[in-house]
Every structure is written in C-alpha cells, then in structure tokens.
Amino acid sequence: MDSYRWFLFIHVAAGTVALATYWIAAAMRKGTPRHRRVGQVFLLAMLPVLGSGVPLSMALVERGRPLTAIFLGYLLLLTGSACWSAWRAIRDRNNRDRYFGAMYWVFAVLVGAAGLGIAIVGTKIGALLFQVFGVVGVAASIDAVVQWRRAPGNPRWWLREHFNAMIGNGIAVHIAFVSIGLRSVLAELDLVVVQYLAWFGPLAVAVAAAVWLNRKYGGTKAQAALPRGVLEENTRPAQGRSVTAAAPPSSVA
C-alpha cells in the first residue's frame, strides 16, 4: 500500500470515529462527564483527520488538480478553526480575555482571507461550490469580530462559541459521509446534482440549526434556560475574582 492510500485510510477511519462520536455526544445530556468525554474523543479523532488531509491535498497537486488541493486545504483550515473554538470555548469559559486572544484572531484573519480568495477564484472559474464556501469563510471572520464585541454583554458567549463551532465541525464530517452515500444511493442522478446535495445539504441544515440554537440559548435575550447539565454558574467567575483573573494566562491564547 502506497503512502497516499495509507493517509486516505487514516482519514476515512478517523472520520468514521468522528462521525459516530459526534452524534453520541449530541444525544447525551449536555455538560455531563460522559458528554465531555465523548466530545474529547471527537476532537481527538479530528486530529488525524486534519493531519492526513495535508498530504492528501499535496497529492492532489502532484496529480494535476491544484484547485481541488487548494479548496481541500481551505476546508482543513475551516475545520481546524472550528475544532480549536469548540475546545477553547469550554476550557476558557471563565476567562473571556484568554479565549479572545492571539490564536482566536489568527484563525479569524486566516479564515476570512482564505475565504475571500476562494470566493474570488470560484467567481473567475464559475465554480459555485468555491463561491458559497468562500463566502462562509468571510462570514465566519466577520462573525468573529461581532461576537468579540458582544461577548462582554452576553454571559453565554462561551456556549454560543462552542455549539457554533461544533455545528461547523458537523458540516465537515457530514459532507464527507453524505457525498459517499449519495453517490451510491443516487447513482442515476447527474453527478453535479449529487455533488450539490452532498455539499449544500449539510450546510443548509447547519445554518438552520445555528439560527435556532442562537435564538434559544446563545444570545443575550435567549428564549430558554440552558439545557440540563449546562450550568449557568459555568459563566460566572469564582467569588472574589474577576473574569480575566479566573485562570492563568495561556501561551496558546
């Protein structure tokens, strides 16, 4: 087995674990130790997914598909950013300043710049897929600035950051799964139609889920109490300490 097939095997195997643990965590009561443990397994599974994606994208360049390689690299950046946010939002929930530190802005700038570039390339070559997902990156970068400004007035900022990041991760794992499944189930349809269903279907569902969750749980005027297990006191610093002093500084930010 050559190196490409090894990396592909790792990518698929880790992606399968990520997909399974994503839904297991989603079905569990939020904030419980089991939910956190399964969520950690998901994020750990995403590491080999991201790591194997780099040589796979490089292999696409060698096979004469540079635009596909660039697009895959962009998706790896989007997913890596979402994984970081999902992890740090929980870890830094009592320290807003540490979460909105250097790494937060590195990802915001990179995702926005890469998204703009992908959208421009997509416009030039007439690729709707590039255009739409490029705009997703630009929108995510703008939203990063908006949420940074709103966070001081929203005690649930960390919850919003976490579930939006996990929704973004869900897009990544489901696109891969759905694209493979649809090709076999809907083999009689035009390949372009199948591609659009595989890519835009999960994206549309994710956008709808994000809007609903933000209105219900994530905003300053949330319509519902937090789910059982997600405790309001997680948003408060320990008594006698300020929010910025709730945890020691982190070099990772």
C-alpha atoms as a PDB file:
ATOM      1  CA  MET A   1       0.000   0.000   0.000  1.00  0.00           C
ATOM      2  CA  ASP A   2       1.488   3.350  -1.035  1.00  0.00           C
ATOM      3  CA  SER A   3       1.633   6.401   1.247  1.00  0.00           C
ATOM      4  CA  TYR A   4      -1.414   8.015  -0.386  1.00  0.00           C
ATOM      5  CA  ARG A   5      -3.600   5.021   0.418  1.00  0.00           C
ATOM      6  CA  TRP A   6      -2.302   4.931   3.977  1.00  0.00           C
ATOM      7  CA  PHE A   7      -3.185   8.567   4.518  1.00  0.00           C
ATOM      8  CA  LEU A   8      -6.567   8.014   2.891  1.00  0.00           C
ATOM      9  CA  PHE A   9      -7.203   5.034   5.179  1.00  0.00           C
ATOM     10  CA  ILE A  10      -6.301   7.114   8.245  1.00  0.00           C
ATOM     11  CA  HIS A  11      -8.510   9.955   7.010  1.00  0.00           C
ATOM     12  CA  VAL A  12     -11.534   7.703   6.485  1.00  0.00           C
ATOM     13  CA  ALA A  13     -11.058   5.663   9.673  1.00  0.00           C
ATOM     14  CA  ALA A  14     -10.645   8.724  11.888  1.00  0.00           C
ATOM     15  CA  GLY A  15     -13.543  10.427  10.108  1.00  0.00           C
ATOM     16  CA  THR A  16     -15.772   7.447  10.877  1.00  0.00           C
ATOM     17  CA  VAL A  17     -14.908   7.673  14.570  1.00  0.00           C
ATOM     18  CA  ALA A  18     -15.535  11.422  14.483  1.00  0.00           C
ATOM     19  CA  LEU A  19     -18.949  10.988  12.869  1.00  0.00           C
ATOM     20  CA  ALA A  20     -20.010   8.337  15.403  1.00  0.00           C
ATOM     21  CA  THR A  21     -18.854  10.286  18.449  1.00  0.00           C
ATOM     22  CA  TYR A  22     -20.386  13.492  17.101  1.00  0.00           C
ATOM     23  CA  TRP A  23     -23.874  12.000  17.280  1.00  0.00           C
ATOM     24  CA  ILE A  24     -23.239  10.142  20.523  1.00  0.00           C
ATOM     25  CA  ALA A  25     -22.243  13.413  22.177  1.00  0.00           C
ATOM     26  CA  ALA A  26     -25.196  15.207  20.582  1.00  0.00           C
ATOM     27  CA  ALA A  27     -27.609  12.633  22.032  1.00  0.00           C
ATOM     28  CA  MET A  28     -26.208  12.868  25.550  1.00  0.00           C
ATOM     29  CA  ARG A  29     -27.275  15.278  28.254  1.00  0.00           C
ATOM     30  CA  LYS A  30     -25.112  18.335  27.817  1.00  0.00           C
ATOM     31  CA  GLY A  31     -22.484  19.204  30.392  1.00  0.00           C
ATOM     32  CA  THR A  32     -22.271  15.720  31.924  1.00  0.00           C
ATOM     33  CA  PRO A  33     -18.895  13.973  32.329  1.00  0.00           C
ATOM     34  CA  ARG A  34     -19.859  11.435  29.646  1.00  0.00           C
ATOM     35  CA  HIS A  35     -20.795  14.173  27.217  1.00  0.00           C
ATOM     36  CA  ARG A  36     -17.456  15.861  27.805  1.00  0.00           C
ATOM     37  CA  ARG A  37     -15.509  12.623  27.424  1.00  0.00           C
ATOM     38  CA  VAL A  38     -17.190  11.702  24.151  1.00  0.00           C
ATOM     39  CA  GLY A  39     -16.686  15.247  22.927  1.00  0.00           C
ATOM     40  CA  GLN A  40     -12.994  14.926  23.715  1.00  0.00           C
ATOM     41  CA  VAL A  41     -12.832  11.688  21.734  1.00  0.00           C
ATOM     42  CA  PHE A  42     -14.448  13.502  18.813  1.00  0.00           C
ATOM     43  CA  LEU A  43     -11.871  16.284  18.886  1.00  0.00           C
ATOM     44  CA  LEU A  44      -9.033  13.775  19.214  1.00  0.00           C
ATOM     45  CA  ALA A  45     -10.384  11.877  16.204  1.00  0.00           C
ATOM     46  CA  MET A  46     -10.394  15.111  14.233  1.00  0.00           C
ATOM     47  CA  LEU A  47      -6.630  15.491  14.718  1.00  0.00           C
ATOM     48  CA  PRO A  48      -5.696  12.607  12.362  1.00  0.00           C
ATOM     49  CA  VAL A  49      -8.466  13.746  10.009  1.00  0.00           C
ATOM     50  CA  LEU A  50      -6.822  17.151   9.742  1.00  0.00           C
ATOM     51  CA  GLY A  51      -3.292  15.776   9.776  1.00  0.00           C
ATOM     52  CA  SER A  52      -3.907  13.247   6.992  1.00  0.00           C
ATOM     53  CA  GLY A  53      -5.712  15.886   4.959  1.00  0.00           C
ATOM     54  CA  VAL A  54      -2.463  17.805   4.414  1.00  0.00           C
ATOM     55  CA  PRO A  55      -0.600  15.057   2.481  1.00  0.00           C
ATOM     56  CA  LEU A  56      -3.820  14.182   0.661  1.00  0.00           C
ATOM     57  CA  SER A  57      -4.123  17.751  -0.591  1.00  0.00           C
ATOM     58  CA  MET A  58      -0.452  17.738  -1.605  1.00  0.00           C
ATOM     59  CA  ALA A  59      -1.048  14.534  -3.536  1.00  0.00           C
ATOM     60  CA  LEU A  60      -3.812  16.280  -5.476  1.00  0.00           C
ATOM     61  CA  VAL A  61      -1.282  18.867  -6.639  1.00  0.00           C
ATOM     62  CA  GLU A  62       1.008  16.100  -7.866  1.00  0.00           C
ATOM     63  CA  ARG A  63      -1.948  14.592  -9.735  1.00  0.00           C
ATOM     64  CA  GLY A  64      -2.602  17.822 -11.582  1.00  0.00           C
ATOM     65  CA  ARG A  65      -5.550  19.060  -9.522  1.00  0.00           C
ATOM     66  CA  PRO A  66      -4.182  22.197  -7.817  1.00  0.00           C
ATOM     67  CA  LEU A  67      -7.538  23.962  -7.430  1.00  0.00           C
ATOM     68  CA  THR A  68      -9.046  20.949  -5.683  1.00  0.00           C
ATOM     69  CA  ALA A  69      -5.982  20.814  -3.434  1.00  0.00           C
ATOM     70  CA  ILE A  70      -6.355  24.494  -2.549  1.00  0.00           C
ATOM     71  CA  PHE A  71     -10.033  24.014  -1.765  1.00  0.00           C
ATOM     72  CA  LEU A  72      -9.291  20.995   0.442  1.00  0.00           C
ATOM     73  CA  GLY A  73      -6.609  22.987   2.266  1.00  0.00           C
ATOM     74  CA  TYR A  74      -9.149  25.750   2.846  1.00  0.00           C
ATOM     75  CA  LEU A  75     -11.636  23.256   4.280  1.00  0.00           C
ATOM     76  CA  LEU A  76      -8.927  21.916   6.596  1.00  0.00           C
ATOM     77  CA  LEU A  77      -8.371  25.474   7.843  1.00  0.00           C
ATOM     78  CA  LEU A  78     -12.095  25.994   8.445  1.00  0.00           C
ATOM     79  CA  THR A  79     -12.384  22.693  10.303  1.00  0.00           C
ATOM     80  CA  GLY A  80      -9.229  23.253  12.313  1.00  0.00           C
ATOM     81  CA  SER A  81     -10.521  26.648  13.390  1.00  0.00           C
ATOM     82  CA  ALA A  82     -13.841  25.125  14.467  1.00  0.00           C
ATOM     83  CA  CYS A  83     -12.100  22.378  16.448  1.00  0.00           C
ATOM     84  CA  TRP A  84      -9.974  24.944  18.265  1.00  0.00           C
ATOM     85  CA  SER A  85     -13.010  27.085  19.111  1.00  0.00           C
ATOM     86  CA  ALA A  86     -15.061  24.116  20.331  1.00  0.00           C
ATOM     87  CA  TRP A  87     -12.265  23.126  22.699  1.00  0.00           C
ATOM     88  CA  ARG A  88     -11.187  26.544  23.940  1.00  0.00           C
ATOM     89  CA  ALA A  89     -14.715  27.899  24.445  1.00  0.00           C
ATOM     90  CA  ILE A  90     -15.283  25.280  27.149  1.00  0.00           C
ATOM     91  CA  ARG A  91     -11.775  25.438  28.578  1.00  0.00           C
ATOM     92  CA  ASP A  92     -11.819  29.246  28.786  1.00  0.00           C
ATOM     93  CA  ARG A  93     -15.476  29.772  29.652  1.00  0.00           C
ATOM     94  CA  ASN A  94     -14.496  31.626  32.839  1.00  0.00           C
ATOM     95  CA  ASN A  95     -11.817  33.682  31.114  1.00  0.00           C
ATOM     96  CA  ARG A  96     -13.187  35.595  28.156  1.00  0.00           C
ATOM     97  CA  ASP A  97      -9.961  37.511  27.513  1.00  0.00           C
ATOM     98  CA  ARG A  98      -7.922  34.344  27.192  1.00  0.00           C
ATOM     99  CA  TYR A  99     -10.349  32.850  24.666  1.00  0.00           C
ATOM    100  CA  PHE A 100     -10.380  36.005  22.555  1.00  0.00           C
ATOM    101  CA  GLY A 101      -6.604  36.022  22.485  1.00  0.00           C
ATOM    102  CA  ALA A 102      -3.981  35.808  19.755  1.00  0.00           C
ATOM    103  CA  MET A 103      -4.943  32.418  18.345  1.00  0.00           C
ATOM    104  CA  TYR A 104      -8.572  33.487  18.026  1.00  0.00           C
ATOM    105  CA  TRP A 105      -7.550  36.393  15.817  1.00  0.00           C
ATOM    106  CA  VAL A 106      -5.055  34.334  13.824  1.00  0.00           C
ATOM    107  CA  PHE A 107      -7.840  31.963  12.841  1.00  0.00           C
ATOM    108  CA  ALA A 108     -10.272  34.816  12.188  1.00  0.00           C
ATOM    109  CA  VAL A 109      -7.863  36.552   9.802  1.00  0.00           C
ATOM    110  CA  LEU A 110      -6.725  33.370   8.051  1.00  0.00           C
ATOM    111  CA  VAL A 111     -10.276  32.068   7.560  1.00  0.00           C
ATOM    112  CA  GLY A 112     -11.517  35.418   6.269  1.00  0.00           C
ATOM    113  CA  ALA A 113      -8.594  35.957   3.887  1.00  0.00           C
ATOM    114  CA  ALA A 114      -8.690  32.370   2.606  1.00  0.00           C
ATOM    115  CA  GLY A 115     -12.466  32.514   2.183  1.00  0.00           C
ATOM    116  CA  LEU A 116     -12.216  35.708   0.169  1.00  0.00           C
ATOM    117  CA  GLY A 117      -9.548  34.164  -2.029  1.00  0.00           C
ATOM    118  CA  ILE A 118     -11.596  31.008  -2.599  1.00  0.00           C
ATOM    119  CA  ALA A 119     -14.690  33.085  -3.451  1.00  0.00           C
ATOM    120  CA  ILE A 120     -12.704  35.142  -5.980  1.00  0.00           C
ATOM    121  CA  VAL A 121     -11.264  32.022  -7.599  1.00  0.00           C
ATOM    122  CA  GLY A 122     -14.724  30.478  -7.700  1.00  0.00           C
ATOM    123  CA  THR A 123     -16.106  33.563  -9.438  1.00  0.00           C
ATOM    124  CA  LYS A 124     -13.345  33.511 -12.038  1.00  0.00           C
ATOM    125  CA  ILE A 125     -13.758  29.825 -12.892  1.00  0.00           C
ATOM    126  CA  GLY A 126     -17.529  29.731 -12.412  1.00  0.00           C
ATOM    127  CA  ALA A 127     -17.445  27.238  -9.510  1.00  0.00           C
ATOM    128  CA  LEU A 128     -20.488  27.695  -7.284  1.00  0.00           C
ATOM    129  CA  LEU A 129     -19.011  25.406  -4.634  1.00  0.00           C
ATOM    130  CA  PHE A 130     -15.974  27.648  -4.271  1.00  0.00           C
ATOM    131  CA  GLN A 131     -18.124  30.775  -4.173  1.00  0.00           C
ATOM    132  CA  VAL A 132     -20.516  29.570  -1.485  1.00  0.00           C
ATOM    133  CA  PHE A 133     -17.914  28.083   0.841  1.00  0.00           C
ATOM    134  CA  GLY A 134     -15.650  31.064   0.280  1.00  0.00           C
ATOM    135  CA  VAL A 135     -18.449  33.322   1.489  1.00  0.00           C
ATOM    136  CA  VAL A 136     -18.847  31.014   4.502  1.00  0.00           C
ATOM    137  CA  GLY A 137     -15.263  31.794   5.495  1.00  0.00           C
ATOM    138  CA  VAL A 138     -15.716  35.539   5.045  1.00  0.00           C
ATOM    139  CA  ALA A 139     -18.944  35.430   7.069  1.00  0.00           C
ATOM    140  CA  ALA A 140     -17.233  33.417   9.810  1.00  0.00           C
ATOM    141  CA  SER A 141     -14.446  36.007  10.021  1.00  0.00           C
ATOM    142  CA  ILE A 142     -16.913  38.886  10.270  1.00  0.00           C
ATOM    143  CA  ASP A 143     -18.921  36.987  12.880  1.00  0.00           C
ATOM    144  CA  ALA A 144     -15.740  36.508  14.919  1.00  0.00           C
ATOM    145  CA  VAL A 145     -15.415  40.280  15.238  1.00  0.00           C
ATOM    146  CA  VAL A 146     -19.118  40.707  16.019  1.00  0.00           C
ATOM    147  CA  GLN A 147     -19.091  38.077  18.752  1.00  0.00           C
ATOM    148  CA  TRP A 148     -15.929  39.514  20.298  1.00  0.00           C
ATOM    149  CA  ARG A 149     -17.704  42.857  20.618  1.00  0.00           C
ATOM    150  CA  ARG A 150     -20.883  41.293  22.002  1.00  0.00           C
ATOM    151  CA  ALA A 151     -19.267  38.852  24.425  1.00  0.00           C
ATOM    152  CA  PRO A 152     -18.931  41.285  27.382  1.00  0.00           C
ATOM    153  CA  GLY A 153     -22.713  41.699  27.455  1.00  0.00           C
ATOM    154  CA  ASN A 154     -23.535  38.029  26.919  1.00  0.00           C
ATOM    155  CA  PRO A 155     -22.875  35.632  29.830  1.00  0.00           C
ATOM    156  CA  ARG A 156     -23.499  32.729  27.453  1.00  0.00           C
ATOM    157  CA  TRP A 157     -20.839  33.775  24.949  1.00  0.00           C
ATOM    158  CA  TRP A 158     -18.859  30.584  25.583  1.00  0.00           C
ATOM    159  CA  LEU A 159     -21.884  28.375  24.940  1.00  0.00           C
ATOM    160  CA  ARG A 160     -22.603  30.145  21.666  1.00  0.00           C
ATOM    161  CA  GLU A 161     -18.971  29.792  20.574  1.00  0.00           C
ATOM    162  CA  HIS A 162     -18.961  26.100  21.488  1.00  0.00           C
ATOM    163  CA  PHE A 163     -22.130  24.986  19.743  1.00  0.00           C
ATOM    164  CA  ASN A 164     -21.472  27.094  16.657  1.00  0.00           C
ATOM    165  CA  ALA A 165     -18.023  25.533  16.385  1.00  0.00           C
ATOM    166  CA  MET A 166     -19.496  22.063  16.798  1.00  0.00           C
ATOM    167  CA  ILE A 167     -22.066  22.820  14.112  1.00  0.00           C
ATOM    168  CA  GLY A 168     -19.174  23.790  11.851  1.00  0.00           C
ATOM    169  CA  ASN A 169     -17.443  20.508  12.655  1.00  0.00           C
ATOM    170  CA  GLY A 170     -20.681  18.714  11.898  1.00  0.00           C
ATOM    171  CA  ILE A 171     -20.721  20.221   8.413  1.00  0.00           C
ATOM    172  CA  ALA A 172     -17.255  18.812   7.758  1.00  0.00           C
ATOM    173  CA  VAL A 173     -17.905  15.248   8.906  1.00  0.00           C
ATOM    174  CA  HIS A 174     -21.333  15.032   7.285  1.00  0.00           C
ATOM    175  CA  ILE A 175     -20.256  16.346   3.903  1.00  0.00           C
ATOM    176  CA  ALA A 176     -17.736  13.516   3.617  1.00  0.00           C
ATOM    177  CA  PHE A 177     -20.264  10.914   4.753  1.00  0.00           C
ATOM    178  CA  VAL A 178     -23.170  12.184   2.643  1.00  0.00           C
ATOM    179  CA  SER A 179     -21.093  12.647  -0.513  1.00  0.00           C
ATOM    180  CA  ILE A 180     -20.025   8.984  -0.426  1.00  0.00           C
ATOM    181  CA  GLY A 181     -23.516   7.727   0.425  1.00  0.00           C
ATOM    182  CA  LEU A 182     -25.335   9.776  -2.184  1.00  0.00           C
ATOM    183  CA  ARG A 183     -23.048   8.619  -4.978  1.00  0.00           C
ATOM    184  CA  SER A 184     -24.196   5.044  -4.418  1.00  0.00           C
ATOM    185  CA  VAL A 185     -27.820   5.693  -3.490  1.00  0.00           C
ATOM    186  CA  LEU A 186     -28.464   8.322  -6.173  1.00  0.00           C
ATOM    187  CA  ALA A 187     -26.144   6.983  -8.859  1.00  0.00           C
ATOM    188  CA  GLU A 188     -28.765   7.607 -11.540  1.00  0.00           C
ATOM    189  CA  LEU A 189     -28.773  11.358 -10.926  1.00  0.00           C
ATOM    190  CA  ASP A 190     -26.438  13.822 -12.581  1.00  0.00           C
ATOM    191  CA  LEU A 191     -23.071  13.967 -10.790  1.00  0.00           C
ATOM    192  CA  VAL A 192     -23.347  17.753 -10.370  1.00  0.00           C
ATOM    193  CA  VAL A 193     -26.760  17.388  -8.681  1.00  0.00           C
ATOM    194  CA  VAL A 194     -25.367  14.758  -6.314  1.00  0.00           C
ATOM    195  CA  GLN A 195     -22.400  16.984  -5.517  1.00  0.00           C
ATOM    196  CA  TYR A 196     -24.622  19.956  -4.704  1.00  0.00           C
ATOM    197  CA  LEU A 197     -26.865  17.827  -2.481  1.00  0.00           C
ATOM    198  CA  ALA A 198     -23.853  16.433  -0.638  1.00  0.00           C
ATOM    199  CA  TRP A 199     -22.225  19.804  -0.021  1.00  0.00           C
ATOM    200  CA  PHE A 200     -25.101  22.246   0.296  1.00  0.00           C
ATOM    201  CA  GLY A 201     -27.493  19.909   2.136  1.00  0.00           C
ATOM    202  CA  PRO A 202     -25.418  19.687   5.364  1.00  0.00           C
ATOM    203  CA  LEU A 203     -24.588  23.382   5.088  1.00  0.00           C
ATOM    204  CA  ALA A 204     -28.271  24.366   4.894  1.00  0.00           C
ATOM    205  CA  VAL A 205     -29.186  22.143   7.843  1.00  0.00           C
ATOM    206  CA  ALA A 206     -26.281  23.562   9.861  1.00  0.00           C
ATOM    207  CA  VAL A 207     -27.283  27.163   9.176  1.00  0.00           C
ATOM    208  CA  ALA A 208     -30.861  26.434  10.279  1.00  0.00           C
ATOM    209  CA  ALA A 209     -29.615  24.697  13.439  1.00  0.00           C
ATOM    210  CA  ALA A 210     -27.276  27.585  14.264  1.00  0.00           C
ATOM    211  CA  VAL A 211     -30.054  30.168  13.886  1.00  0.00           C
ATOM    212  CA  TRP A 212     -32.397  28.160  16.118  1.00  0.00           C
ATOM    213  CA  LEU A 213     -29.799  27.469  18.818  1.00  0.00           C
ATOM    214  CA  ASN A 214     -28.605  31.069  18.885  1.00  0.00           C
ATOM    215  CA  ARG A 215     -32.119  32.379  19.349  1.00  0.00           C
ATOM    216  CA  LYS A 216     -32.991  29.842  22.006  1.00  0.00           C
ATOM    217  CA  TYR A 217     -29.798  29.558  24.042  1.00  0.00           C
ATOM    218  CA  GLY A 218     -26.942  31.679  22.777  1.00  0.00           C
ATOM    219  CA  GLY A 219     -27.923  35.339  22.801  1.00  0.00           C
ATOM    220  CA  THR A 220     -28.279  37.981  25.464  1.00  0.00           C
ATOM    221  CA  LYS A 221     -32.065  37.653  25.080  1.00  0.00           C
ATOM    222  CA  ALA A 222     -32.162  33.865  24.898  1.00  0.00           C
ATOM    223  CA  GLN A 223     -35.662  32.426  24.951  1.00  0.00           C
ATOM    224  CA  ALA A 224     -34.935  29.368  27.079  1.00  0.00           C
ATOM    225  CA  ALA A 225     -32.947  28.226  30.058  1.00  0.00           C
ATOM    226  CA  LEU A 226     -29.801  26.272  29.414  1.00  0.00           C
ATOM    227  CA  PRO A 227     -30.220  22.517  28.863  1.00  0.00           C
ATOM    228  CA  ARG A 228     -29.924  20.359  31.975  1.00  0.00           C
ATOM    229  CA  GLY A 229     -26.288  19.866  32.866  1.00  0.00           C
ATOM    230  CA  VAL A 230     -25.111  23.094  31.226  1.00  0.00           C
ATOM    231  CA  LEU A 231     -24.924  25.163  34.391  1.00  0.00           C
ATOM    232  CA  GLU A 232     -25.332  28.914  34.465  1.00  0.00           C
ATOM    233  CA  GLU A 233     -22.599  29.136  37.111  1.00  0.00           C
ATOM    234  CA  ASN A 234     -20.122  27.997  34.455  1.00  0.00           C
ATOM    235  CA  THR A 235     -20.395  31.504  33.067  1.00  0.00           C
ATOM    236  CA  ARG A 236     -19.503  33.187  36.345  1.00  0.00           C
ATOM    237  CA  PRO A 237     -16.018  33.629  37.769  1.00  0.00           C
ATOM    238  CA  ALA A 238     -15.224  32.292  41.201  1.00  0.00           C
ATOM    239  CA  GLN A 239     -16.368  34.530  44.032  1.00  0.00           C
ATOM    240  CA  GLY A 240     -13.999  37.374  44.716  1.00  0.00           C
ATOM    241  CA  ARG A 241     -12.182  37.130  41.392  1.00  0.00           C
ATOM    242  CA  SER A 242     -12.629  38.965  38.137  1.00  0.00           C
ATOM    243  CA  VAL A 243     -13.385  37.214  34.866  1.00  0.00           C
ATOM    244  CA  THR A 244      -9.957  37.949  33.453  1.00  0.00           C
ATOM    245  CA  ALA A 245      -8.286  36.547  36.555  1.00  0.00           C
ATOM    246  CA  ALA A 246     -10.255  33.299  36.656  1.00  0.00           C
ATOM    247  CA  ALA A 247      -7.433  31.351  35.032  1.00  0.00           C
ATOM    248  CA  PRO A 248      -3.710  31.870  34.403  1.00  0.00           C
ATOM    249  CA  PRO A 249      -2.553  33.274  31.075  1.00  0.00           C
ATOM    250  CA  SER A 250      -2.116  30.787  28.240  1.00  0.00           C
ATOM    251  CA  SER A 251       0.582  30.897  25.599  1.00  0.00           C
ATOM    252  CA  VAL A 252      -1.878  29.352  23.182  1.00  0.00           C
ATOM    253  CA  ALA A 253      -4.436  32.118  23.909  1.00  0.00           C
END
